[in-house]
PDB file of all heavy atoms in Angstrom:
ATOM      1  N   GLY A   1       3.373   8.219  -4.045  1.00  0.00           N
ATOM      2  CA  GLY A   1       3.305   8.995  -2.794  1.00  0.00           C
ATOM      3  C   GLY A   1       3.659  10.378  -3.052  1.00  0.00           C
ATOM      4  O   GLY A   1       4.134  10.783  -4.154  1.00  0.00           O
ATOM      5  N   GLY A   2       3.454  11.244  -2.026  1.00  0.00           N
ATOM      6  CA  GLY A   2       3.793  12.630  -2.121  1.00  0.00           C
ATOM      7  C   GLY A   2       3.171  13.427  -0.969  1.00  0.00           C
ATOM      8  O   GLY A   2       2.687  12.852  -0.004  1.00  0.00           O
ATOM      9  N   LEU A   3       3.282  14.713  -1.135  1.00  0.00           N
ATOM     10  CA  LEU A   3       2.691  15.643  -0.162  1.00  0.00           C
ATOM     11  C   LEU A   3       1.311  16.080  -0.598  1.00  0.00           C
ATOM     12  O   LEU A   3       1.186  16.586  -1.759  1.00  0.00           O
ATOM     13  CB  LEU A   3       3.648  16.812   0.044  1.00  0.00           C
ATOM     14  CG  LEU A   3       3.178  17.975   0.958  1.00  0.00           C
ATOM     15  CD1 LEU A   3       3.037  17.492   2.349  1.00  0.00           C
ATOM     16  CD2 LEU A   3       4.147  19.151   0.855  1.00  0.00           C
ATOM     17  N   VAL A   4       0.362  15.993   0.194  1.00  0.00           N
ATOM     18  CA  VAL A   4      -1.004  16.405  -0.073  1.00  0.00           C
ATOM     19  C   VAL A   4      -1.608  17.096   1.112  1.00  0.00           C
ATOM     20  O   VAL A   4      -1.288  16.725   2.280  1.00  0.00           O
ATOM     21  CB  VAL A   4      -1.813  15.130  -0.540  1.00  0.00           C
ATOM     22  CG1 VAL A   4      -1.952  14.099   0.614  1.00  0.00           C
ATOM     23  CG2 VAL A   4      -3.130  15.510  -1.108  1.00  0.00           C
ATOM     24  N   GLN A   5      -2.556  17.992   0.843  1.00  0.00           N
ATOM     25  CA  GLN A   5      -3.242  18.679   1.923  1.00  0.00           C
ATOM     26  C   GLN A   5      -4.345  17.775   2.481  1.00  0.00           C
ATOM     27  O   GLN A   5      -4.875  16.910   1.805  1.00  0.00           O
ATOM     28  CB  GLN A   5      -3.888  19.990   1.398  1.00  0.00           C
ATOM     29  CG  GLN A   5      -2.901  21.037   0.999  1.00  0.00           C
ATOM     30  CD  GLN A   5      -3.547  22.322   0.577  1.00  0.00           C
ATOM     31  OE1 GLN A   5      -4.755  22.415   0.470  1.00  0.00           O
ATOM     32  NE2 GLN A   5      -2.707  23.332   0.353  1.00  0.00           N
ATOM     33  N   PRO A   6      -4.752  17.975   3.775  1.00  0.00           N
ATOM     34  CA  PRO A   6      -5.929  17.258   4.264  1.00  0.00           C
ATOM     35  C   PRO A   6      -7.142  17.406   3.420  1.00  0.00           C
ATOM     36  O   PRO A   6      -7.474  18.452   2.895  1.00  0.00           O
ATOM     37  CB  PRO A   6      -6.126  17.949   5.643  1.00  0.00           C
ATOM     38  CG  PRO A   6      -4.797  18.443   6.025  1.00  0.00           C
ATOM     39  CD  PRO A   6      -4.145  18.935   4.730  1.00  0.00           C
ATOM     40  N   GLY A   7      -7.820  16.290   3.238  1.00  0.00           N
ATOM     41  CA  GLY A   7      -8.951  16.224   2.272  1.00  0.00           C
ATOM     42  C   GLY A   7      -8.598  15.869   0.880  1.00  0.00           C
ATOM     43  O   GLY A   7      -9.503  15.628   0.113  1.00  0.00           O
ATOM     44  N   GLY A   8      -7.319  15.839   0.522  1.00  0.00           N
ATOM     45  CA  GLY A   8      -6.871  15.504  -0.772  1.00  0.00           C
ATOM     46  C   GLY A   8      -6.832  14.047  -1.080  1.00  0.00           C
ATOM     47  O   GLY A   8      -7.210  13.224  -0.222  1.00  0.00           O
ATOM     48  N   SER A   9      -6.327  13.710  -2.234  1.00  0.00           N
ATOM     49  CA  SER A   9      -6.341  12.355  -2.697  1.00  0.00           C
ATOM     50  C   SER A   9      -4.924  11.998  -3.277  1.00  0.00           C
ATOM     51  O   SER A   9      -4.264  12.809  -3.827  1.00  0.00           O
ATOM     52  CB  SER A   9      -7.408  12.104  -3.726  1.00  0.00           C
ATOM     53  OG  SER A   9      -8.717  12.263  -3.252  1.00  0.00           O
ATOM     54  N   LEU A  10      -4.586  10.727  -3.218  1.00  0.00           N
ATOM     55  CA  LEU A  10      -3.477  10.151  -3.888  1.00  0.00           C
ATOM     56  C   LEU A  10      -3.794   8.754  -4.360  1.00  0.00           C
ATOM     57  O   LEU A  10      -4.606   8.051  -3.737  1.00  0.00           O
ATOM     58  CB  LEU A  10      -2.210  10.090  -2.960  1.00  0.00           C
ATOM     59  CG  LEU A  10      -1.514  11.364  -2.673  1.00  0.00           C
ATOM     60  CD1 LEU A  10      -0.456  11.040  -1.570  1.00  0.00           C
ATOM     61  CD2 LEU A  10      -0.834  11.929  -3.868  1.00  0.00           C
ATOM     62  N   ARG A  11      -3.164   8.302  -5.452  1.00  0.00           N
ATOM     63  CA  ARG A  11      -3.234   6.916  -5.874  1.00  0.00           C
ATOM     64  C   ARG A  11      -1.918   6.266  -5.919  1.00  0.00           C
ATOM     65  O   ARG A  11      -1.057   6.694  -6.663  1.00  0.00           O
ATOM     66  CB  ARG A  11      -3.927   6.878  -7.258  1.00  0.00           C
ATOM     67  CG  ARG A  11      -4.256   5.463  -7.714  1.00  0.00           C
ATOM     68  CD  ARG A  11      -4.544   5.390  -9.213  1.00  0.00           C
ATOM     69  NE  ARG A  11      -5.211   4.181  -9.595  1.00  0.00           N
ATOM     70  CZ  ARG A  11      -5.076   3.599 -10.818  1.00  0.00           C
ATOM     71  NH1 ARG A  11      -4.323   4.174 -11.756  1.00  0.00           N
ATOM     72  NH2 ARG A  11      -5.797   2.508 -11.078  1.00  0.00           N
ATOM     73  N   LEU A  12      -1.706   5.267  -5.118  1.00  0.00           N
ATOM     74  CA  LEU A  12      -0.488   4.522  -5.022  1.00  0.00           C
ATOM     75  C   LEU A  12      -0.528   3.350  -5.963  1.00  0.00           C
ATOM     76  O   LEU A  12      -1.633   2.724  -6.117  1.00  0.00           O
ATOM     77  CB  LEU A  12      -0.232   4.064  -3.561  1.00  0.00           C
ATOM     78  CG  LEU A  12      -0.265   5.099  -2.440  1.00  0.00           C
ATOM     79  CD1 LEU A  12       0.065   4.466  -1.136  1.00  0.00           C
ATOM     80  CD2 LEU A  12       0.561   6.298  -2.802  1.00  0.00           C
ATOM     81  N   SER A  13       0.608   3.031  -6.464  1.00  0.00           N
ATOM     82  CA  SER A  13       0.701   1.780  -7.294  1.00  0.00           C
ATOM     83  C   SER A  13       1.856   0.934  -6.779  1.00  0.00           C
ATOM     84  O   SER A  13       2.817   1.421  -6.196  1.00  0.00           O
ATOM     85  CB  SER A  13       1.083   2.184  -8.766  1.00  0.00           C
ATOM     86  OG  SER A  13       0.040   2.982  -9.369  1.00  0.00           O
ATOM     87  N   CYS A  14       1.692  -0.377  -6.984  1.00  0.00           N
ATOM     88  CA  CYS A  14       2.752  -1.326  -6.628  1.00  0.00           C
ATOM     89  C   CYS A  14       2.911  -2.304  -7.760  1.00  0.00           C
ATOM     90  O   CYS A  14       1.985  -3.055  -8.090  1.00  0.00           O
ATOM     91  CB  CYS A  14       2.353  -2.045  -5.320  1.00  0.00           C
ATOM     92  SG  CYS A  14       3.339  -3.465  -4.925  1.00  0.00           S
ATOM     93  N   ALA A  15       4.024  -2.222  -8.438  1.00  0.00           N
ATOM     94  CA  ALA A  15       4.308  -3.099  -9.563  1.00  0.00           C
ATOM     95  C   ALA A  15       5.146  -4.302  -9.060  1.00  0.00           C
ATOM     96  O   ALA A  15       6.159  -4.125  -8.455  1.00  0.00           O
ATOM     97  CB  ALA A  15       5.077  -2.435 -10.637  1.00  0.00           C
ATOM     98  N   ALA A  16       4.680  -5.519  -9.385  1.00  0.00           N
ATOM     99  CA  ALA A  16       5.357  -6.734  -8.955  1.00  0.00           C
ATOM    100  C   ALA A  16       6.041  -7.375 -10.176  1.00  0.00           C
ATOM    101  O   ALA A  16       5.494  -7.376 -11.283  1.00  0.00           O
ATOM    102  CB  ALA A  16       4.333  -7.666  -8.331  1.00  0.00           C
ATOM    103  N   SER A  17       7.154  -8.012  -9.883  1.00  0.00           N
ATOM    104  CA  SER A  17       7.853  -8.831 -10.920  1.00  0.00           C
ATOM    105  C   SER A  17       8.472 -10.044 -10.203  1.00  0.00           C
ATOM    106  O   SER A  17       8.634 -10.078  -9.010  1.00  0.00           O
ATOM    107  CB  SER A  17       8.882  -8.042 -11.629  1.00  0.00           C
ATOM    108  OG  SER A  17       9.880  -7.485 -10.681  1.00  0.00           O
ATOM    109  N   GLY A  18       8.768 -11.028 -11.007  1.00  0.00           N
ATOM    110  CA  GLY A  18       9.371 -12.240 -10.448  1.00  0.00           C
ATOM    111  C   GLY A  18       8.379 -13.129  -9.720  1.00  0.00           C
ATOM    112  O   GLY A  18       8.810 -13.969  -8.920  1.00  0.00           O
ATOM    113  N   VAL A  19       7.156 -12.975  -9.972  1.00  0.00           N
ATOM    114  CA  VAL A  19       6.090 -13.719  -9.229  1.00  0.00           C
ATOM    115  C   VAL A  19       4.905 -13.902 -10.184  1.00  0.00           C
ATOM    116  O   VAL A  19       4.580 -13.029 -11.003  1.00  0.00           O
ATOM    117  CB  VAL A  19       5.720 -13.037  -7.930  1.00  0.00           C
ATOM    118  CG1 VAL A  19       5.104 -11.646  -8.234  1.00  0.00           C
ATOM    119  CG2 VAL A  19       4.745 -13.853  -7.115  1.00  0.00           C
ATOM    120  N   ILE A  20       4.208 -15.052  -9.983  1.00  0.00           N
ATOM    121  CA  ILE A  20       2.969 -15.218 -10.731  1.00  0.00           C
ATOM    122  C   ILE A  20       1.854 -14.457  -9.909  1.00  0.00           C
ATOM    123  O   ILE A  20       1.167 -14.962  -9.086  1.00  0.00           O
ATOM    124  CB  ILE A  20       2.559 -16.737 -10.847  1.00  0.00           C
ATOM    125  CG1 ILE A  20       3.734 -17.507 -11.430  1.00  0.00           C
ATOM    126  CG2 ILE A  20       1.337 -16.876 -11.674  1.00  0.00           C
ATOM    127  CD1 ILE A  20       3.512 -18.974 -11.530  1.00  0.00           C
ATOM    128  N   PHE A  21       1.772 -13.135 -10.283  1.00  0.00           N
ATOM    129  CA  PHE A  21       1.012 -12.244  -9.500  1.00  0.00           C
ATOM    130  C   PHE A  21      -0.432 -12.617  -9.220  1.00  0.00           C
ATOM    131  O   PHE A  21      -0.911 -12.471  -8.118  1.00  0.00           O
ATOM    132  CB  PHE A  21       1.058 -10.878 -10.177  1.00  0.00           C
ATOM    133  CG  PHE A  21       0.366  -9.768  -9.508  1.00  0.00           C
ATOM    134  CD1 PHE A  21       0.961  -9.093  -8.469  1.00  0.00           C
ATOM    135  CD2 PHE A  21      -0.911  -9.379  -9.930  1.00  0.00           C
ATOM    136  CE1 PHE A  21       0.306  -8.026  -7.874  1.00  0.00           C
ATOM    137  CE2 PHE A  21      -1.597  -8.356  -9.321  1.00  0.00           C
ATOM    138  CZ  PHE A  21      -0.998  -7.670  -8.268  1.00  0.00           C
ATOM    139  N   ARG A  22      -1.101 -13.175 -10.221  1.00  0.00           N
ATOM    140  CA  ARG A  22      -2.521 -13.403 -10.169  1.00  0.00           C
ATOM    141  C   ARG A  22      -2.942 -14.354  -9.087  1.00  0.00           C
ATOM    142  O   ARG A  22      -4.130 -14.370  -8.659  1.00  0.00           O
ATOM    143  CB  ARG A  22      -3.074 -13.830 -11.538  1.00  0.00           C
ATOM    144  CG  ARG A  22      -2.579 -15.251 -11.898  1.00  0.00           C
ATOM    145  CD  ARG A  22      -3.141 -15.639 -13.282  1.00  0.00           C
ATOM    146  NE  ARG A  22      -2.855 -17.013 -13.605  1.00  0.00           N
ATOM    147  CZ  ARG A  22      -1.669 -17.470 -14.109  1.00  0.00           C
ATOM    148  NH1 ARG A  22      -0.666 -16.603 -14.306  1.00  0.00           N
ATOM    149  NH2 ARG A  22      -1.505 -18.749 -14.305  1.00  0.00           N
ATOM    150  N   ILE A  23      -2.059 -15.233  -8.608  1.00  0.00           N
ATOM    151  CA  ILE A  23      -2.382 -16.262  -7.649  1.00  0.00           C
ATOM    152  C   ILE A  23      -2.290 -15.802  -6.230  1.00  0.00           C
ATOM    153  O   ILE A  23      -2.710 -16.523  -5.323  1.00  0.00           O
ATOM    154  CB  ILE A  23      -1.592 -17.566  -7.842  1.00  0.00           C
ATOM    155  CG1 ILE A  23      -0.127 -17.365  -7.404  1.00  0.00           C
ATOM    156  CG2 ILE A  23      -1.676 -18.015  -9.355  1.00  0.00           C
ATOM    157  CD1 ILE A  23       0.643 -18.638  -7.448  1.00  0.00           C
ATOM    158  N   TYR A  24      -1.789 -14.654  -5.974  1.00  0.00           N
ATOM    159  CA  TYR A  24      -1.517 -14.105  -4.661  1.00  0.00           C
ATOM    160  C   TYR A  24      -2.499 -13.038  -4.185  1.00  0.00           C
ATOM    161  O   TYR A  24      -2.866 -12.152  -4.969  1.00  0.00           O
ATOM    162  CB  TYR A  24      -0.101 -13.574  -4.485  1.00  0.00           C
ATOM    163  CG  TYR A  24       0.997 -14.619  -4.623  1.00  0.00           C
ATOM    164  CD1 TYR A  24       1.667 -14.735  -5.797  1.00  0.00           C
ATOM    165  CD2 TYR A  24       1.282 -15.385  -3.541  1.00  0.00           C
ATOM    166  CE1 TYR A  24       2.672 -15.695  -5.931  1.00  0.00           C
ATOM    167  CE2 TYR A  24       2.323 -16.363  -3.657  1.00  0.00           C
ATOM    168  CZ  TYR A  24       2.933 -16.463  -4.850  1.00  0.00           C
ATOM    169  OH  TYR A  24       3.962 -17.424  -4.959  1.00  0.00           O
ATOM    170  N   ALA A  25      -2.917 -13.198  -2.955  1.00  0.00           N
ATOM    171  CA  ALA A  25      -3.521 -12.043  -2.329  1.00  0.00           C
ATOM    172  C   ALA A  25      -2.480 -10.920  -2.131  1.00  0.00           C
ATOM    173  O   ALA A  25      -1.278 -11.258  -2.066  1.00  0.00           O
ATOM    174  CB  ALA A  25      -4.128 -12.370  -0.947  1.00  0.00           C
ATOM    175  N   MET A  26      -2.895  -9.697  -2.096  1.00  0.00           N
ATOM    176  CA  MET A  26      -1.942  -8.562  -1.963  1.00  0.00           C
ATOM    177  C   MET A  26      -2.458  -7.664  -0.784  1.00  0.00           C
ATOM    178  O   MET A  26      -3.737  -7.619  -0.562  1.00  0.00           O
ATOM    179  CB  MET A  26      -1.869  -7.793  -3.196  1.00  0.00           C
ATOM    180  CG  MET A  26      -1.339  -8.468  -4.408  1.00  0.00           C
ATOM    181  SD  MET A  26       0.488  -8.941  -4.188  1.00  0.00           S
ATOM    182  CE  MET A  26       1.171  -7.267  -4.037  1.00  0.00           C
ATOM    183  N   GLY A  27      -1.543  -7.018  -0.210  1.00  0.00           N
ATOM    184  CA  GLY A  27      -1.918  -6.030   0.844  1.00  0.00           C
ATOM    185  C   GLY A  27      -1.101  -4.764   0.772  1.00  0.00           C
ATOM    186  O   GLY A  27       0.007  -4.739   0.297  1.00  0.00           O
ATOM    187  N   TRP A  28      -1.731  -3.731   1.228  1.00  0.00           N
ATOM    188  CA  TRP A  28      -1.058  -2.428   1.519  1.00  0.00           C
ATOM    189  C   TRP A  28      -0.879  -2.274   3.000  1.00  0.00           C
ATOM    190  O   TRP A  28      -1.841  -2.516   3.773  1.00  0.00           O
ATOM    191  CB  TRP A  28      -1.857  -1.287   0.888  1.00  0.00           C
ATOM    192  CG  TRP A  28      -1.719  -1.055  -0.521  1.00  0.00           C
ATOM    193  CD1 TRP A  28      -2.540  -1.499  -1.476  1.00  0.00           C
ATOM    194  CD2 TRP A  28      -0.669  -0.430  -1.238  1.00  0.00           C
ATOM    195  NE1 TRP A  28      -2.119  -1.143  -2.733  1.00  0.00           N
ATOM    196  CE2 TRP A  28      -0.962  -0.443  -2.593  1.00  0.00           C
ATOM    197  CE3 TRP A  28       0.514   0.198  -0.822  1.00  0.00           C
ATOM    198  CZ2 TRP A  28      -0.081   0.091  -3.551  1.00  0.00           C
ATOM    199  CZ3 TRP A  28       1.359   0.734  -1.682  1.00  0.00           C
ATOM    200  CH2 TRP A  28       1.122   0.684  -3.099  1.00  0.00           C
ATOM    201  N   TYR A  29       0.274  -1.841   3.381  1.00  0.00           N
ATOM    202  CA  TYR A  29       0.642  -1.592   4.751  1.00  0.00           C
ATOM    203  C   TYR A  29       1.189  -0.163   4.899  1.00  0.00           C
ATOM    204  O   TYR A  29       1.632   0.402   3.912  1.00  0.00           O
ATOM    205  CB  TYR A  29       1.756  -2.592   5.216  1.00  0.00           C
ATOM    206  CG  TYR A  29       1.405  -4.042   5.063  1.00  0.00           C
ATOM    207  CD1 TYR A  29       1.421  -4.629   3.804  1.00  0.00           C
ATOM    208  CD2 TYR A  29       1.053  -4.841   6.144  1.00  0.00           C
ATOM    209  CE1 TYR A  29       1.110  -5.963   3.647  1.00  0.00           C
ATOM    210  CE2 TYR A  29       0.761  -6.165   6.035  1.00  0.00           C
ATOM    211  CZ  TYR A  29       0.762  -6.753   4.740  1.00  0.00           C
ATOM    212  OH  TYR A  29       0.479  -8.076   4.551  1.00  0.00           O
ATOM    213  N   ARG A  30       1.214   0.269   6.132  1.00  0.00           N
ATOM    214  CA  ARG A  30       1.819   1.617   6.318  1.00  0.00           C
ATOM    215  C   ARG A  30       2.578   1.658   7.694  1.00  0.00           C
ATOM    216  O   ARG A  30       2.181   0.886   8.601  1.00  0.00           O
ATOM    217  CB  ARG A  30       0.856   2.740   6.213  1.00  0.00           C
ATOM    218  CG  ARG A  30      -0.168   2.808   7.364  1.00  0.00           C
ATOM    219  CD  ARG A  30      -1.213   3.821   7.072  1.00  0.00           C
ATOM    220  NE  ARG A  30      -2.223   3.911   8.108  1.00  0.00           N
ATOM    221  CZ  ARG A  30      -3.339   4.667   8.023  1.00  0.00           C
ATOM    222  NH1 ARG A  30      -3.555   5.380   6.956  1.00  0.00           N
ATOM    223  NH2 ARG A  30      -4.191   4.688   9.029  1.00  0.00           N
ATOM    224  N   GLN A  31       3.589   2.450   7.719  1.00  0.00           N
ATOM    225  CA  GLN A  31       4.335   2.650   8.969  1.00  0.00           C
ATOM    226  C   GLN A  31       4.473   4.125   9.195  1.00  0.00           C
ATOM    227  O   GLN A  31       5.237   4.793   8.427  1.00  0.00           O
ATOM    228  CB  GLN A  31       5.652   1.915   8.976  1.00  0.00           C
ATOM    229  CG  GLN A  31       6.366   1.961  10.315  1.00  0.00           C
ATOM    230  CD  GLN A  31       7.468   0.927  10.378  1.00  0.00           C
ATOM    231  OE1 GLN A  31       8.027   0.538   9.384  1.00  0.00           O
ATOM    232  NE2 GLN A  31       7.825   0.521  11.618  1.00  0.00           N
ATOM    233  N   ALA A  32       3.897   4.674  10.226  1.00  0.00           N
ATOM    234  CA  ALA A  32       3.998   6.061  10.559  1.00  0.00           C
ATOM    235  C   ALA A  32       5.186   6.201  11.564  1.00  0.00           C
ATOM    236  O   ALA A  32       5.649   5.289  12.158  1.00  0.00           O
ATOM    237  CB  ALA A  32       2.695   6.553  11.266  1.00  0.00           C
ATOM    238  N   PRO A  33       5.698   7.448  11.584  1.00  0.00           N
ATOM    239  CA  PRO A  33       6.879   7.658  12.526  1.00  0.00           C
ATOM    240  C   PRO A  33       6.560   7.304  13.918  1.00  0.00           C
ATOM    241  O   PRO A  33       5.607   7.669  14.517  1.00  0.00           O
ATOM    242  CB  PRO A  33       7.099   9.195  12.365  1.00  0.00           C
ATOM    243  CG  PRO A  33       6.500   9.560  11.080  1.00  0.00           C
ATOM    244  CD  PRO A  33       5.350   8.613  10.840  1.00  0.00           C
ATOM    245  N   GLY A  34       7.452   6.464  14.452  1.00  0.00           N
ATOM    246  CA  GLY A  34       7.336   6.013  15.843  1.00  0.00           C
ATOM    247  C   GLY A  34       6.268   4.962  16.108  1.00  0.00           C
ATOM    248  O   GLY A  34       6.002   4.618  17.244  1.00  0.00           O
ATOM    249  N   LYS A  35       5.708   4.381  15.010  1.00  0.00           N
ATOM    250  CA  LYS A  35       4.646   3.490  15.155  1.00  0.00           C
ATOM    251  C   LYS A  35       5.008   2.153  14.491  1.00  0.00           C
ATOM    252  O   LYS A  35       5.861   2.059  13.650  1.00  0.00           O
ATOM    253  CB  LYS A  35       3.280   4.001  14.489  1.00  0.00           C
ATOM    254  CG  LYS A  35       2.809   5.278  15.080  1.00  0.00           C
ATOM    255  CD  LYS A  35       2.313   5.084  16.508  1.00  0.00           C
ATOM    256  CE  LYS A  35       1.738   6.383  17.118  1.00  0.00           C
ATOM    257  NZ  LYS A  35       1.286   6.189  18.423  1.00  0.00           N
ATOM    258  N   GLN A  36       4.324   1.111  14.878  1.00  0.00           N
ATOM    259  CA  GLN A  36       4.467  -0.196  14.261  1.00  0.00           C
ATOM    260  C   GLN A  36       3.750  -0.214  12.836  1.00  0.00           C
ATOM    261  O   GLN A  36       2.871   0.583  12.550  1.00  0.00           O
ATOM    262  CB  GLN A  36       3.825  -1.292  15.083  1.00  0.00           C
ATOM    263  CG  GLN A  36       4.333  -1.437  16.494  1.00  0.00           C
ATOM    264  CD  GLN A  36       5.735  -2.154  16.543  1.00  0.00           C
ATOM    265  OE1 GLN A  36       6.274  -2.468  15.520  1.00  0.00           O
ATOM    266  NE2 GLN A  36       6.162  -2.360  17.701  1.00  0.00           N
ATOM    267  N   ARG A  37       4.232  -1.057  11.968  1.00  0.00           N
ATOM    268  CA  ARG A  37       3.656  -1.208  10.683  1.00  0.00           C
ATOM    269  C   ARG A  37       2.287  -1.850  10.863  1.00  0.00           C
ATOM    270  O   ARG A  37       2.087  -2.741  11.642  1.00  0.00           O
ATOM    271  CB  ARG A  37       4.549  -2.133   9.809  1.00  0.00           C
ATOM    272  CG  ARG A  37       4.036  -2.285   8.381  1.00  0.00           C
ATOM    273  CD  ARG A  37       5.051  -2.971   7.542  1.00  0.00           C
ATOM    274  NE  ARG A  37       5.361  -4.330   8.042  1.00  0.00           N
ATOM    275  CZ  ARG A  37       6.570  -4.833   8.112  1.00  0.00           C
ATOM    276  NH1 ARG A  37       7.619  -4.130   7.692  1.00  0.00           N
ATOM    277  NH2 ARG A  37       6.778  -6.030   8.602  1.00  0.00           N
ATOM    278  N   GLU A  38       1.277  -1.267  10.137  1.00  0.00           N
ATOM    279  CA  GLU A  38      -0.034  -1.813  10.210  1.00  0.00           C
ATOM    280  C   GLU A  38      -0.582  -2.094   8.827  1.00  0.00           C
ATOM    281  O   GLU A  38      -0.208  -1.567   7.833  1.00  0.00           O
ATOM    282  CB  GLU A  38      -0.990  -0.769  10.888  1.00  0.00           C
ATOM    283  CG  GLU A  38      -1.115   0.551  10.121  1.00  0.00           C
ATOM    284  CD  GLU A  38      -2.201   1.449  10.678  1.00  0.00           C
ATOM    285  OE1 GLU A  38      -3.162   0.969  11.347  1.00  0.00           O
ATOM    286  OE2 GLU A  38      -2.051   2.678  10.519  1.00  0.00           O
ATOM    287  N   LEU A  39      -1.484  -3.073   8.831  1.00  0.00           N
ATOM    288  CA  LEU A  39      -2.161  -3.525   7.594  1.00  0.00           C
ATOM    289  C   LEU A  39      -3.304  -2.516   7.314  1.00  0.00           C
ATOM    290  O   LEU A  39      -4.117  -2.293   8.200  1.00  0.00           O
ATOM    291  CB  LEU A  39      -2.676  -4.908   7.744  1.00  0.00           C
ATOM    292  CG  LEU A  39      -3.455  -5.553   6.570  1.00  0.00           C
ATOM    293  CD1 LEU A  39      -2.501  -5.651   5.401  1.00  0.00           C
ATOM    294  CD2 LEU A  39      -3.958  -6.888   6.962  1.00  0.00           C
ATOM    295  N   VAL A  40      -3.312  -1.998   6.057  1.00  0.00           N
ATOM    296  CA  VAL A  40      -4.314  -1.013   5.726  1.00  0.00           C
ATOM    297  C   VAL A  40      -5.412  -1.671   4.893  1.00  0.00           C
ATOM    298  O   VAL A  40      -6.563  -1.360   5.163  1.00  0.00           O
ATOM    299  CB  VAL A  40      -3.664   0.067   4.899  1.00  0.00           C
ATOM    300  CG1 VAL A  40      -4.665   1.111   4.327  1.00  0.00           C
ATOM    301  CG2 VAL A  40      -2.619   0.851   5.706  1.00  0.00           C
ATOM    302  N   ALA A  41      -5.095  -2.463   3.963  1.00  0.00           N
ATOM    303  CA  ALA A  41      -6.120  -3.056   3.025  1.00  0.00           C
ATOM    304  C   ALA A  41      -5.559  -4.313   2.392  1.00  0.00           C
ATOM    305  O   ALA A  41      -4.340  -4.420   2.191  1.00  0.00           O
ATOM    306  CB  ALA A  41      -6.522  -2.028   1.941  1.00  0.00           C
ATOM    307  N   THR A  42      -6.483  -5.199   2.087  1.00  0.00           N
ATOM    308  CA  THR A  42      -6.064  -6.444   1.451  1.00  0.00           C
ATOM    309  C   THR A  42      -6.983  -6.637   0.229  1.00  0.00           C
ATOM    310  O   THR A  42      -8.189  -6.264   0.236  1.00  0.00           O
ATOM    311  CB  THR A  42      -6.153  -7.691   2.297  1.00  0.00           C
ATOM    312  OG1 THR A  42      -7.461  -7.891   2.827  1.00  0.00           O
ATOM    313  CG2 THR A  42      -5.169  -7.469   3.515  1.00  0.00           C
ATOM    314  N   ILE A  43      -6.512  -7.438  -0.705  1.00  0.00           N
ATOM    315  CA  ILE A  43      -7.317  -7.896  -1.827  1.00  0.00           C
ATOM    316  C   ILE A  43      -6.929  -9.269  -2.181  1.00  0.00           C
ATOM    317  O   ILE A  43      -5.733  -9.603  -2.277  1.00  0.00           O
ATOM    318  CB  ILE A  43      -7.223  -6.992  -3.056  1.00  0.00           C
ATOM    319  CG1 ILE A  43      -8.101  -7.405  -4.161  1.00  0.00           C
ATOM    320  CG2 ILE A  43      -5.788  -6.825  -3.538  1.00  0.00           C
ATOM    321  CD1 ILE A  43      -8.311  -6.318  -5.251  1.00  0.00           C
ATOM    322  N   THR A  44      -7.856 -10.185  -2.308  1.00  0.00           N
ATOM    323  CA  THR A  44      -7.576 -11.567  -2.625  1.00  0.00           C
ATOM    324  C   THR A  44      -7.283 -11.724  -4.112  1.00  0.00           C
ATOM    325  O   THR A  44      -7.444 -10.804  -4.895  1.00  0.00           O
ATOM    326  CB  THR A  44      -8.721 -12.509  -2.226  1.00  0.00           C
ATOM    327  OG1 THR A  44      -9.855 -12.234  -3.079  1.00  0.00           O
ATOM    328  CG2 THR A  44      -9.132 -12.302  -0.783  1.00  0.00           C
TER     329      THR A  44
END
């Protein structure tokens, strides 16, 4: 994460440990100020 201008790009990474990673679906979520956490994307 970081600070980026509108129209820009970022690549987020999530490293997992302590789990057999390959067998799980994964999701990215986000929570904006004053908002509920929402599901952004999933991958099986």
